[in-house]
């Protein structure tokens, strides 16, 4: 559940940092999962994604297509660094007192997460297609086959994690954009244990209200002796 405040965070300085709440937050968990999945993808390609068959030239296990390995390697490293940067940004996000800075941070998270989710989808389709076109003759003794399958699997998992992060950023952005930042919802809540404030009215009448921001209602105290209605006298001609 998002904390009350502008763009999913409380007022800067109102709440101290809680490491348990931070690392158990769903956004942080998916951020760490995306980071781990990126490590798996580019490490599989670096370690077993290239094979050497009777020559000094290294061939990519995905149908000997170097573009497939380069795409997965570049995307894995980029999302690895991006996950770290946004993890640090989430750490400092509650301390941002400027609403514009929070808006830029959430918008940047939305754009990067959406782009990463799309690129992982493209990478999954591209690598799966190239792996399906790979013949057994190109991989003697199934060299690199396990790494290729792991790369494709974690590309698919990365699509899910980055899609969840995209929806989370979209929710924070829409919540911050649709809420008036100058309404009472973003002010400190009025304590309920405050005693009511009386408003004295002339002639001994007192009106009590529990809302300190509400003006006293317009009332008029009448003298009981004047409540007797008198009929108007007919004019004499």
C-alpha atoms as a PDB file:
ATOM      1  CA  UNK A   1       0.000   0.000   0.000  1.00  0.00           C
ATOM      2  CA  UNK A   2       1.366   3.384  -0.970  1.00  0.00           C
ATOM      3  CA  UNK A   3       2.121   5.937   1.683  1.00  0.00           C
ATOM      4  CA  UNK A   4      -0.026   9.028   1.768  1.00  0.00           C
ATOM      5  CA  UNK A   5       1.530  12.054   0.171  1.00  0.00           C
ATOM      6  CA  UNK A   6       2.750  13.432  -3.122  1.00  0.00           C
ATOM      7  CA  UNK A   7       3.600  10.746  -5.704  1.00  0.00           C
ATOM      8  CA  UNK A   8       3.484   7.881  -3.221  1.00  0.00           C
ATOM      9  CA  UNK A   9       5.700   9.304  -0.473  1.00  0.00           C
ATOM     10  CA  UNK A  10       5.043  11.199   2.716  1.00  0.00           C
ATOM     11  CA  UNK A  11       6.151  14.700   3.427  1.00  0.00           C
ATOM     12  CA  UNK A  12       9.943  14.927   3.525  1.00  0.00           C
ATOM     13  CA  UNK A  13      11.265  14.418   7.028  1.00  0.00           C
ATOM     14  CA  UNK A  14       7.931  13.276   8.474  1.00  0.00           C
ATOM     15  CA  UNK A  15       8.912   9.593   8.710  1.00  0.00           C
ATOM     16  CA  UNK A  16      12.319   8.122   9.560  1.00  0.00           C
ATOM     17  CA  UNK A  17      13.851   5.525   7.271  1.00  0.00           C
ATOM     18  CA  UNK A  18      12.807   1.968   8.065  1.00  0.00           C
ATOM     19  CA  UNK A  19      15.121  -0.584   6.358  1.00  0.00           C
ATOM     20  CA  UNK A  20      12.747  -3.486   7.003  1.00  0.00           C
ATOM     21  CA  UNK A  21       9.809  -1.682   5.408  1.00  0.00           C
ATOM     22  CA  UNK A  22      11.993  -0.545   2.500  1.00  0.00           C
ATOM     23  CA  UNK A  23      13.386  -3.962   1.585  1.00  0.00           C
ATOM     24  CA  UNK A  24      10.042  -5.724   2.087  1.00  0.00           C
ATOM     25  CA  UNK A  25       8.186  -3.244  -0.119  1.00  0.00           C
ATOM     26  CA  UNK A  26       6.888  -4.919  -3.319  1.00  0.00           C
ATOM     27  CA  UNK A  27       8.580  -2.308  -5.507  1.00  0.00           C
ATOM     28  CA  UNK A  28      11.959  -2.982  -3.900  1.00  0.00           C
ATOM     29  CA  UNK A  29      11.477  -6.742  -4.226  1.00  0.00           C
ATOM     30  CA  UNK A  30      10.709  -6.498  -7.944  1.00  0.00           C
ATOM     31  CA  UNK A  31      13.600  -4.089  -8.342  1.00  0.00           C
ATOM     32  CA  UNK A  32      15.980  -6.651  -6.819  1.00  0.00           C
ATOM     33  CA  UNK A  33      14.496  -9.468  -8.914  1.00  0.00           C
ATOM     34  CA  UNK A  34      15.049  -7.447 -12.090  1.00  0.00           C
ATOM     35  CA  UNK A  35      18.611  -6.820 -10.978  1.00  0.00           C
ATOM     36  CA  UNK A  36      19.250 -10.554 -10.394  1.00  0.00           C
ATOM     37  CA  UNK A  37      17.632 -11.561 -13.681  1.00  0.00           C
ATOM     38  CA  UNK A  38      19.847  -9.115 -15.559  1.00  0.00           C
ATOM     39  CA  UNK A  39      22.911 -10.626 -13.931  1.00  0.00           C
ATOM     40  CA  UNK A  40      21.834 -14.116 -14.992  1.00  0.00           C
ATOM     41  CA  UNK A  41      21.249 -13.067 -18.598  1.00  0.00           C
ATOM     42  CA  UNK A  42      24.533 -11.323 -19.298  1.00  0.00           C
ATOM     43  CA  UNK A  43      26.582 -13.786 -17.221  1.00  0.00           C
ATOM     44  CA  UNK A  44      25.182 -16.751 -19.191  1.00  0.00           C
ATOM     45  CA  UNK A  45      26.066 -15.076 -22.468  1.00  0.00           C
ATOM     46  CA  UNK A  46      29.542 -14.050 -21.318  1.00  0.00           C
ATOM     47  CA  UNK A  47      30.440 -17.449 -19.843  1.00  0.00           C
ATOM     48  CA  UNK A  48      28.825 -19.931 -22.262  1.00  0.00           C
ATOM     49  CA  UNK A  49      27.188 -17.851 -24.958  1.00  0.00           C
ATOM     50  CA  UNK A  50      30.138 -18.158 -27.331  1.00  0.00           C
ATOM     51  CA  UNK A  51      31.747 -21.360 -28.557  1.00  0.00           C
ATOM     52  CA  UNK A  52      34.928 -22.116 -30.475  1.00  0.00           C
ATOM     53  CA  UNK A  53      34.730 -24.817 -33.162  1.00  0.00           C
ATOM     54  CA  UNK A  54      38.107 -25.577 -34.722  1.00  0.00           C
ATOM     55  CA  UNK A  55      39.162 -21.951 -35.052  1.00  0.00           C
ATOM     56  CA  UNK A  56      40.046 -18.927 -33.014  1.00  0.00           C
ATOM     57  CA  UNK A  57      36.787 -17.231 -33.926  1.00  0.00           C
ATOM     58  CA  UNK A  58      34.062 -17.300 -31.279  1.00  0.00           C
ATOM     59  CA  UNK A  59      30.561 -18.075 -32.509  1.00  0.00           C
ATOM     60  CA  UNK A  60      27.310 -17.213 -30.754  1.00  0.00           C
ATOM     61  CA  UNK A  61      25.263 -20.210 -29.633  1.00  0.00           C
ATOM     62  CA  UNK A  62      22.127 -18.565 -31.004  1.00  0.00           C
ATOM     63  CA  UNK A  63      22.355 -19.709 -34.611  1.00  0.00           C
ATOM     64  CA  UNK A  64      25.888 -18.271 -34.864  1.00  0.00           C
ATOM     65  CA  UNK A  65      24.249 -14.851 -34.877  1.00  0.00           C
ATOM     66  CA  UNK A  66      26.493 -12.364 -33.092  1.00  0.00           C
ATOM     67  CA  UNK A  67      23.695  -9.788 -32.998  1.00  0.00           C
ATOM     68  CA  UNK A  68      21.634 -12.062 -30.744  1.00  0.00           C
ATOM     69  CA  UNK A  69      24.398 -12.379 -28.167  1.00  0.00           C
ATOM     70  CA  UNK A  70      25.248  -8.689 -28.377  1.00  0.00           C
ATOM     71  CA  UNK A  71      21.613  -7.730 -27.893  1.00  0.00           C
ATOM     72  CA  UNK A  72      21.193  -9.902 -24.805  1.00  0.00           C
ATOM     73  CA  UNK A  73      24.514  -8.794 -23.364  1.00  0.00           C
ATOM     74  CA  UNK A  74      23.826  -5.083 -23.886  1.00  0.00           C
ATOM     75  CA  UNK A  75      20.292  -5.304 -22.530  1.00  0.00           C
ATOM     76  CA  UNK A  76      21.397  -7.292 -19.492  1.00  0.00           C
ATOM     77  CA  UNK A  77      24.145  -4.840 -18.557  1.00  0.00           C
ATOM     78  CA  UNK A  78      21.908  -1.824 -19.163  1.00  0.00           C
ATOM     79  CA  UNK A  79      19.067  -3.118 -16.990  1.00  0.00           C
ATOM     80  CA  UNK A  80      21.575  -4.206 -14.346  1.00  0.00           C
ATOM     81  CA  UNK A  81      22.848  -0.635 -14.026  1.00  0.00           C
ATOM     82  CA  UNK A  82      19.350   0.793 -14.317  1.00  0.00           C
ATOM     83  CA  UNK A  83      18.048  -1.386 -11.495  1.00  0.00           C
ATOM     84  CA  UNK A  84      20.836  -0.192  -9.216  1.00  0.00           C
ATOM     85  CA  UNK A  85      20.211   3.463 -10.060  1.00  0.00           C
ATOM     86  CA  UNK A  86      16.480   3.265  -9.439  1.00  0.00           C
ATOM     87  CA  UNK A  87      17.044   1.303  -6.247  1.00  0.00           C
ATOM     88  CA  UNK A  88      19.155   4.183  -4.962  1.00  0.00           C
ATOM     89  CA  UNK A  89      16.515   6.626  -6.210  1.00  0.00           C
ATOM     90  CA  UNK A  90      13.820   4.791  -4.258  1.00  0.00           C
ATOM     91  CA  UNK A  91      16.007   5.102  -1.174  1.00  0.00           C
ATOM     92  CA  UNK A  92      16.300   8.895  -1.487  1.00  0.00           C
ATOM     93  CA  UNK A  93      12.804   9.475  -2.867  1.00  0.00           C
ATOM     94  CA  UNK A  94      11.033  10.081   0.502  1.00  0.00           C
ATOM     95  CA  UNK A  95      13.595  12.775   1.392  1.00  0.00           C
ATOM     96  CA  UNK A  96      12.763  14.848  -1.698  1.00  0.00           C
ATOM     97  CA  UNK A  97      10.904  17.949  -0.569  1.00  0.00           C
ATOM     98  CA  UNK A  98      10.402  19.411  -4.046  1.00  0.00           C
ATOM     99  CA  UNK A  99       7.232  18.166  -5.738  1.00  0.00           C
ATOM    100  CA  UNK A 100       8.708  18.784  -9.210  1.00  0.00           C
ATOM    101  CA  UNK A 101      11.719  16.609  -8.407  1.00  0.00           C
ATOM    102  CA  UNK A 102       9.423  13.815  -7.275  1.00  0.00           C
ATOM    103  CA  UNK A 103       7.408  14.120 -10.452  1.00  0.00           C
ATOM    104  CA  UNK A 104      10.541  13.905 -12.605  1.00  0.00           C
ATOM    105  CA  UNK A 105      11.774  10.865 -10.668  1.00  0.00           C
ATOM    106  CA  UNK A 106       8.474   9.015 -11.066  1.00  0.00           C
ATOM    107  CA  UNK A 107       8.217   9.974 -14.748  1.00  0.00           C
ATOM    108  CA  UNK A 108      11.776   8.768 -15.377  1.00  0.00           C
ATOM    109  CA  UNK A 109      10.982   5.496 -13.620  1.00  0.00           C
ATOM    110  CA  UNK A 110       7.857   5.081 -15.746  1.00  0.00           C
ATOM    111  CA  UNK A 111       9.694   5.690 -19.034  1.00  0.00           C
ATOM    112  CA  UNK A 112      12.666   3.475 -18.213  1.00  0.00           C
ATOM    113  CA  UNK A 113      10.567   0.601 -16.850  1.00  0.00           C
ATOM    114  CA  UNK A 114       8.213   0.665 -19.829  1.00  0.00           C
ATOM    115  CA  UNK A 115      11.118   0.756 -22.287  1.00  0.00           C
ATOM    116  CA  UNK A 116      12.926  -2.056 -20.464  1.00  0.00           C
ATOM    117  CA  UNK A 117       9.806  -4.224 -20.465  1.00  0.00           C
ATOM    118  CA  UNK A 118       9.409  -3.716 -24.222  1.00  0.00           C
ATOM    119  CA  UNK A 119      13.071  -4.422 -24.950  1.00  0.00           C
ATOM    120  CA  UNK A 120      12.991  -7.607 -22.874  1.00  0.00           C
ATOM    121  CA  UNK A 121       9.957  -8.741 -24.854  1.00  0.00           C
ATOM    122  CA  UNK A 122      11.804  -8.098 -28.106  1.00  0.00           C
ATOM    123  CA  UNK A 123      14.880  -9.889 -26.761  1.00  0.00           C
ATOM    124  CA  UNK A 124      12.845 -12.890 -25.679  1.00  0.00           C
ATOM    125  CA  UNK A 125      11.247 -13.241 -29.107  1.00  0.00           C
ATOM    126  CA  UNK A 126      14.555 -12.654 -30.916  1.00  0.00           C
ATOM    127  CA  UNK A 127      16.609 -15.102 -28.857  1.00  0.00           C
ATOM    128  CA  UNK A 128      13.891 -17.746 -28.868  1.00  0.00           C
ATOM    129  CA  UNK A 129      13.618 -17.512 -32.649  1.00  0.00           C
ATOM    130  CA  UNK A 130      17.379 -17.779 -33.138  1.00  0.00           C
ATOM    131  CA  UNK A 131      17.615 -20.702 -30.722  1.00  0.00           C
ATOM    132  CA  UNK A 132      14.847 -22.522 -32.577  1.00  0.00           C
ATOM    133  CA  UNK A 133      16.746 -22.020 -35.833  1.00  0.00           C
ATOM    134  CA  UNK A 134      19.962 -23.404 -34.344  1.00  0.00           C
ATOM    135  CA  UNK A 135      20.797 -26.869 -35.706  1.00  0.00           C
ATOM    136  CA  UNK A 136      22.475 -29.572 -33.571  1.00  0.00           C
ATOM    137  CA  UNK A 137      25.454 -29.499 -35.910  1.00  0.00           C
ATOM    138  CA  UNK A 138      26.228 -25.968 -34.819  1.00  0.00           C
ATOM    139  CA  UNK A 139      26.554 -27.058 -31.175  1.00  0.00           C
ATOM    140  CA  UNK A 140      28.730 -30.152 -30.834  1.00  0.00           C
ATOM    141  CA  UNK A 141      28.009 -31.984 -27.575  1.00  0.00           C
ATOM    142  CA  UNK A 142      25.297 -29.421 -26.812  1.00  0.00           C
ATOM    143  CA  UNK A 143      27.828 -26.794 -25.887  1.00  0.00           C
ATOM    144  CA  UNK A 144      26.159 -23.738 -24.390  1.00  0.00           C
ATOM    145  CA  UNK A 145      22.648 -25.170 -24.701  1.00  0.00           C
ATOM    146  CA  UNK A 146      21.902 -24.830 -20.979  1.00  0.00           C
ATOM    147  CA  UNK A 147      23.102 -21.238 -20.967  1.00  0.00           C
ATOM    148  CA  UNK A 148      20.979 -20.448 -24.010  1.00  0.00           C
ATOM    149  CA  UNK A 149      17.841 -21.890 -22.404  1.00  0.00           C
ATOM    150  CA  UNK A 150      18.542 -20.047 -19.165  1.00  0.00           C
ATOM    151  CA  UNK A 151      19.004 -16.796 -21.061  1.00  0.00           C
ATOM    152  CA  UNK A 152      15.659 -17.169 -22.820  1.00  0.00           C
ATOM    153  CA  UNK A 153      13.880 -18.131 -19.591  1.00  0.00           C
ATOM    154  CA  UNK A 154      15.189 -15.163 -17.613  1.00  0.00           C
ATOM    155  CA  UNK A 155      14.390 -12.838 -20.495  1.00  0.00           C
ATOM    156  CA  UNK A 156      10.779 -13.903 -20.049  1.00  0.00           C
ATOM    157  CA  UNK A 157      10.952 -13.409 -16.277  1.00  0.00           C
ATOM    158  CA  UNK A 158      12.404  -9.946 -16.824  1.00  0.00           C
ATOM    159  CA  UNK A 159       9.394  -9.002 -18.932  1.00  0.00           C
ATOM    160  CA  UNK A 160       7.115  -9.709 -15.975  1.00  0.00           C
ATOM    161  CA  UNK A 161       9.174  -7.873 -13.365  1.00  0.00           C
ATOM    162  CA  UNK A 162       9.669  -4.762 -15.465  1.00  0.00           C
ATOM    163  CA  UNK A 163       5.986  -4.764 -16.430  1.00  0.00           C
ATOM    164  CA  UNK A 164       5.050  -4.743 -12.741  1.00  0.00           C
ATOM    165  CA  UNK A 165       7.470  -1.876 -12.124  1.00  0.00           C
ATOM    166  CA  UNK A 166       5.927   0.007 -15.047  1.00  0.00           C
ATOM    167  CA  UNK A 167       2.438  -0.357 -13.584  1.00  0.00           C
ATOM    168  CA  UNK A 168       3.709   0.725 -10.172  1.00  0.00           C
ATOM    169  CA  UNK A 169       5.327   3.848 -11.615  1.00  0.00           C
ATOM    170  CA  UNK A 170       2.202   4.602 -13.656  1.00  0.00           C
ATOM    171  CA  UNK A 171       0.065   4.350 -10.542  1.00  0.00           C
ATOM    172  CA  UNK A 172       2.322   6.724  -8.623  1.00  0.00           C
ATOM    173  CA  UNK A 173       2.385   9.190 -11.511  1.00  0.00           C
ATOM    174  CA  UNK A 174      -1.394   9.222 -11.963  1.00  0.00           C
ATOM    175  CA  UNK A 175      -1.977   9.512  -8.231  1.00  0.00           C
ATOM    176  CA  UNK A 176       0.362  12.483  -7.949  1.00  0.00           C
ATOM    177  CA  UNK A 177      -1.008  14.192 -11.067  1.00  0.00           C
ATOM    178  CA  UNK A 178      -4.696  13.817 -10.203  1.00  0.00           C
ATOM    179  CA  UNK A 179      -4.357  15.032  -6.616  1.00  0.00           C
ATOM    180  CA  UNK A 180      -4.400  18.699  -5.768  1.00  0.00           C
ATOM    181  CA  UNK A 181      -1.202  19.242  -3.818  1.00  0.00           C
ATOM    182  CA  UNK A 182      -2.628  22.255  -2.009  1.00  0.00           C
ATOM    183  CA  UNK A 183      -5.685  20.595  -0.516  1.00  0.00           C
ATOM    184  CA  UNK A 184      -6.091  19.447   3.040  1.00  0.00           C
ATOM    185  CA  UNK A 185      -5.122  15.892   2.058  1.00  0.00           C
ATOM    186  CA  UNK A 186      -1.441  16.890   1.882  1.00  0.00           C
ATOM    187  CA  UNK A 187      -1.413  18.857   5.104  1.00  0.00           C
ATOM    188  CA  UNK A 188      -0.662  17.408   8.476  1.00  0.00           C
ATOM    189  CA  UNK A 189      -3.780  15.684   9.837  1.00  0.00           C
ATOM    190  CA  UNK A 190      -5.600  17.623  12.497  1.00  0.00           C
ATOM    191  CA  UNK A 191      -5.254  15.838  15.843  1.00  0.00           C
ATOM    192  CA  UNK A 192      -8.501  14.383  17.068  1.00  0.00           C
ATOM    193  CA  UNK A 193      -7.764  14.904  20.736  1.00  0.00           C
ATOM    194  CA  UNK A 194      -7.807  18.708  20.447  1.00  0.00           C
ATOM    195  CA  UNK A 195     -10.592  20.272  22.462  1.00  0.00           C
ATOM    196  CA  UNK A 196     -13.340  22.135  20.743  1.00  0.00           C
ATOM    197  CA  UNK A 197     -12.955  25.854  20.255  1.00  0.00           C
ATOM    198  CA  UNK A 198     -15.859  27.981  21.526  1.00  0.00           C
ATOM    199  CA  UNK A 199     -16.992  31.077  19.665  1.00  0.00           C
ATOM    200  CA  UNK A 200     -18.644  33.601  21.989  1.00  0.00           C
ATOM    201  CA  UNK A 201     -21.669  35.412  20.644  1.00  0.00           C
ATOM    202  CA  UNK A 202     -23.174  38.532  22.216  1.00  0.00           C
ATOM    203  CA  UNK A 203     -26.117  38.194  24.638  1.00  0.00           C
ATOM    204  CA  UNK A 204     -24.570  35.170  26.328  1.00  0.00           C
ATOM    205  CA  UNK A 205     -24.972  32.613  23.498  1.00  0.00           C
ATOM    206  CA  UNK A 206     -21.978  30.373  22.675  1.00  0.00           C
ATOM    207  CA  UNK A 207     -21.464  28.215  19.593  1.00  0.00           C
ATOM    208  CA  UNK A 208     -18.956  25.364  19.769  1.00  0.00           C
ATOM    209  CA  UNK A 209     -17.295  23.891  16.707  1.00  0.00           C
ATOM    210  CA  UNK A 210     -14.639  21.186  16.356  1.00  0.00           C
ATOM    211  CA  UNK A 211     -13.245  22.494  13.087  1.00  0.00           C
ATOM    212  CA  UNK A 212     -10.654  25.240  13.688  1.00  0.00           C
ATOM    213  CA  UNK A 213     -10.783  26.297  10.031  1.00  0.00           C
ATOM    214  CA  UNK A 214     -14.532  26.783   9.915  1.00  0.00           C
ATOM    215  CA  UNK A 215     -15.887  30.260  10.447  1.00  0.00           C
ATOM    216  CA  UNK A 216     -18.640  30.639  13.071  1.00  0.00           C
ATOM    217  CA  UNK A 217     -22.101  30.527  11.526  1.00  0.00           C
ATOM    218  CA  UNK A 218     -24.134  33.659  11.278  1.00  0.00           C
ATOM    219  CA  UNK A 219     -26.678  33.568  14.077  1.00  0.00           C
ATOM    220  CA  UNK A 220     -28.826  36.117  15.732  1.00  0.00           C
ATOM    221  CA  UNK A 221     -29.940  35.974  19.329  1.00  0.00           C
ATOM    222  CA  UNK A 222     -33.429  37.271  19.820  1.00  0.00           C
ATOM    223  CA  UNK A 223     -34.920  38.573  22.972  1.00  0.00           C
ATOM    224  CA  UNK A 224     -37.733  36.261  24.153  1.00  0.00           C
ATOM    225  CA  UNK A 225     -39.857  39.325  24.913  1.00  0.00           C
ATOM    226  CA  UNK A 226     -39.670  40.323  21.253  1.00  0.00           C
ATOM    227  CA  UNK A 227     -40.837  36.957  19.958  1.00  0.00           C
ATOM    228  CA  UNK A 228     -44.502  37.912  20.439  1.00  0.00           C
ATOM    229  CA  UNK A 229     -45.865  38.679  17.059  1.00  0.00           C
ATOM    230  CA  UNK A 230     -48.077  41.699  16.735  1.00  0.00           C
ATOM    231  CA  UNK A 231     -50.607  42.159  14.022  1.00  0.00           C
ATOM    232  CA  UNK A 232     -50.215  45.300  11.969  1.00  0.00           C
ATOM    233  CA  UNK A 233     -52.856  47.910  12.714  1.00  0.00           C
ATOM    234  CA  UNK A 234     -55.036  49.119   9.947  1.00  0.00           C
ATOM    235  CA  UNK A 235     -54.362  52.678   8.857  1.00  0.00           C
ATOM    236  CA  UNK A 236     -56.857  55.210  10.014  1.00  0.00           C
ATOM    237  CA  UNK A 237     -58.390  57.477   7.375  1.00  0.00           C
END
